[in-house]
Amino acid sequence: GIKMAVKNETKEYFLKGWKKENLDSRETAQGIFLDMIYPVSEKHFFKTIWEKKPLYLKRTNKKYNDKVFSTDELYRILRNNDIQFSVNIDVTSYVNEQRYTHNTPGRADALSVLKFYNQGCSIRMLNPQTYSNGLWLLNSKLQEYFQSVVGSNIYLTPPGTQGFAPHYDDIEAFVLQLEGKKRWWLYKPREGEELPKESSPNFSQAEIGEVILDVIVEPGDLLYFPRGTIHQAECLPDAHSLHVTVSTYQKNTWSDFLEMALQQGLETSICEDVNFRRGLPLRYMTYMGAMYSDTEDKRRDNFKKKVKSLLLNLVDNIDFDETADQMGLNLTRDSLPPFLSKVERNRTVDGCHQTNGNTCNESDSVAMREPITPLTAIKLVSFGVLRVVSGTDGVVAAYNTENSRVYHGKEENILSISFEEAVAVEHIIKSYPNFIKVKSLPLGTKTAKVKLSENLFCRGLLQIK
């Protein structure tokens, strides 16, 4: 692992991007990530660290992560929301190499959670971005940066305790220390378990092998480690600990892409190539199988050649763009809705509701003091909110602006559009971050251009001015 001491830190990238009048969400997203790993460069991080080894950044600025989350915010959420044990909150402890979960049925109110904490239990809050605007901002922007679902968990641990057994996860982990301090031990991945597809069970101390990083993480610090890195952490006797683990790249690997691509390629091959529909060789089981694996038989050689030939034809029938679109649909369905700046929000349908009392009716037309016209300037609210995909049932625009902040809290948002409208929507996407006039859309009549713009605006997809 890499240890680095950092001095004179300010979040300059984020501030530069956020203050611009004509915001580009991609720049803001990149700026937030650059702030998180500062002073490590983006190029160096992805070339030498990402998926390869841990990184620990020790900061002199103890307030560097202050605006992300706090214990006060945690208890405010518990007081003001219907937070449930096992759904939103886990209560855990780790004593004598045994991990225990102490969840009780029902609501996790502030007093109940505090009682467990005072008894030496760790508190884990799942998906706090549902209730915390700071984490919604952080996760939604990083989601756009990585083009992968980004989640987070909050961990509050009493002094001198440990809440979890050694284990590894199936995500890339960024630990931001918020309050107090914690000692972390990271261990080399076990052979064959580098970058795993699934998280591990709990390990005993005898199973975890060689320590590769042993650090005390304090406020403002960052600890990154790849999936498959075995880890455990313990609170020091003189301080509690509050940290957030930001996670990404779960099920976002070449294997996930290929699983989808090969399935699509096989379906296409079966439809278009009669060789995939021919019967298997007569009595092939008399020479294929483990019991015949050491047998020299020309029929075995011919069988393998045939399978390889079919696989080559299958690969030729894969539409890799279709697979990328399916991955994109999954991301759009699973992702957080975008977090918008005040400037951006005031230009959307929500901002118009607040400032002008405008509404969208059931037919998706816009009742505005100054209705959308061919001269209205429009642009997407954020770059990653919309994707145009061709499917068996025609063209659809998948979008996330109406997604819930609760993971899978709503059905996916799909808008059926014509091929001609799809060309116009793609023009809006590719024009981002610039505003364009409605009249410039490559779509038939002025009425059609206005109607499409109204439809997108009512779904929270457009800014107007």
Foldseek 3Di string as FASTA:
>chain_A
DEEEEDEDADLVQLVVQQPDLLHALLSNLVSLVCSLPPPDDPVCCVPPPALPWKYKYHYPPLCSCALQDDPVVVLVCLAPDQAFEPQFKWKWFADPNDIDTDHDGGGDHNVNVVVSQVVFIKMKTWLCLLPDVSNVQNQQSNCVNVVWHKGKMKIKGFAFGWGAAWWFALWWKKKAWHAAKKKKWKADFDPPQRNHLGIGDGDGPVPGDDTPDIDIHGRPMIMIGHTRITMTMGHHRPTITIIMIMTTDRCVDPVSLVVLQLVQLLVQCVVPPCLSVDDDDPPCVVQDDPVNPPPDDVVVVVNVVSVVVVVVSSNVSGDSVQSVVVSLQVSQQFHAAHDADPSLCCQAPNVCCVPPVWAQDPLLATDGPDGAFQAKWKAWSHLSFWDWHQDPVGIKIWGRNPPRSPGSPDGTDIHHDHPQVSQQVVVRNVVPPDIDGLNPRRHDDRVVSRSSVSNCRNSRTMGID
